[in-house]
Structure formats: structure tokens, C-alpha cells
Amino acid sequence: MAIGPLFMLASGIPASLHRERSWTAGAYVTDGHRLFRVLCPLSPPWRRGIAVLEDCRTFAIGAYTAEELWHMALRRVR
């Protein structure tokens, strides 16, 4: 289930990720196709921060803005 703009918080982070506190180092998130490990979470102010995620299949590390993360429609892996 993708998170749409109606479920966004004013911070720019999908409500499900913010509510579940997924943005801690070591947490796992998915877009439904790829699995990522959070290496460095966003820090306030959310709209200006950068999060660092590792793709668990390729081990590629990428830096993402809050807007990029929102477009990825990430959700927590339990």
C-alpha cells in the first residue's frame, strides 16, 4: 500500500514512517520492490535533511531528501 499525499505530515515524511518511528539507524524499510536499511535517519528540520539508505540487494548506499523518500512511498518492515 503506497502512502499518498493525503497521508503526509506537514514535515514531508509519510505518516506511517513518522508514526512507527522507522527513521532510526538500523531500521528496515521497503517500497514494495526493494529493501533498504536506514544508515542515517533524517534529522529535523525534516524538509532540509538527508537520510542515508543502503539497498540490501546491491549494497549501494544513497542519500535521499525528504521529498525523494516521500516519492519512494516507503513503509516499515516488521
Protein backbone atom coordinates (compact mmCIF):
# COMPACT_ATOMS: atom_id res chain seq x y z
CA MET A 1 0.00 0.00 0.00
CA ALA A 2 1.57 3.27 -1.10
CA ILE A 3 1.26 6.34 1.07
CA GLY A 4 -0.30 9.22 -0.85
CA PRO A 5 -0.14 12.96 -0.30
CA LEU A 6 -3.31 12.95 1.82
CA PHE A 7 -1.45 10.92 4.44
CA MET A 8 1.60 13.14 4.56
CA LEU A 9 2.50 15.05 7.66
CA ALA A 10 3.48 18.68 7.38
CA SER A 11 7.07 17.51 7.83
CA GLY A 12 7.10 15.82 4.43
CA ILE A 13 7.55 12.30 5.83
CA PRO A 14 4.93 9.62 5.14
CA ALA A 15 2.66 9.37 8.17
CA SER A 16 3.28 5.62 8.56
CA LEU A 17 7.05 6.06 8.84
CA HIS A 18 6.79 9.00 11.22
CA ARG A 19 4.22 7.26 13.43
CA GLU A 20 6.17 3.98 13.57
CA ARG A 21 9.47 5.69 14.34
CA SER A 22 11.13 3.83 11.47
CA TRP A 23 13.69 6.52 11.00
CA THR A 24 16.23 5.08 13.39
CA ALA A 25 19.59 3.73 12.32
CA GLY A 26 19.35 0.02 11.58
CA ALA A 27 15.62 0.03 10.75
CA TYR A 28 14.43 -1.62 7.53
CA VAL A 29 12.00 -0.02 5.07
CA THR A 30 10.61 -1.08 1.69
CA ASP A 31 8.88 0.40 -1.30
CA GLY A 32 7.34 -2.99 -2.09
CA HIS A 33 10.11 -3.93 -4.52
CA ARG A 34 13.36 -3.08 -2.77
CA LEU A 35 14.53 -3.47 0.81
CA PHE A 36 16.57 -0.71 2.44
CA ARG A 37 18.41 -0.40 5.74
CA VAL A 38 18.45 3.05 7.32
CA LEU A 39 22.07 4.02 7.92
CA CYS A 40 21.48 7.64 8.86
CA PRO A 41 17.93 8.87 9.50
CA LEU A 42 16.56 12.29 8.64
CA SER A 43 17.06 14.82 11.37
CA PRO A 44 14.99 17.96 11.99
CA PRO A 45 14.13 20.07 10.19
CA TRP A 46 12.77 17.20 8.08
CA ARG A 47 12.40 19.12 4.83
CA ARG A 48 16.08 20.09 4.77
CA GLY A 49 17.67 16.88 5.98
CA ILE A 50 19.21 13.99 4.13
CA ALA A 51 18.68 10.31 5.00
CA VAL A 52 21.22 7.66 4.02
CA LEU A 53 19.82 4.28 2.98
CA GLU A 54 21.54 1.07 1.92
CA ASP A 55 19.91 -1.11 -0.75
CA CYS A 56 20.03 -4.60 0.80
CA ARG A 57 20.28 -6.37 -2.58
CA THR A 58 23.06 -4.32 -4.17
CA PHE A 59 24.62 -2.82 -1.01
CA ALA A 60 24.53 0.54 -2.81
CA ILE A 61 24.36 3.48 -0.43
CA GLY A 62 22.37 6.55 -1.36
CA ALA A 63 21.49 9.89 0.21
CA TYR A 64 17.84 10.93 -0.13
CA THR A 65 15.95 14.11 0.64
CA ALA A 66 12.57 14.03 2.40
CA GLU A 67 10.86 14.67 -0.95
CA GLU A 68 12.66 11.75 -2.60
CA LEU A 69 11.74 9.47 0.29
CA TRP A 70 8.10 10.50 0.03
CA HIS A 71 8.03 9.66 -3.69
CA MET A 72 9.51 6.25 -2.88
CA ALA A 73 6.40 5.51 -0.72
CA LEU A 74 8.44 3.65 1.87
CA ARG A 75 6.94 1.64 4.70
CA ARG A 76 8.42 -0.15 7.66
CA VAL A 77 9.37 -3.81 7.50
CA ARG A 78 8.29 -5.72 10.58
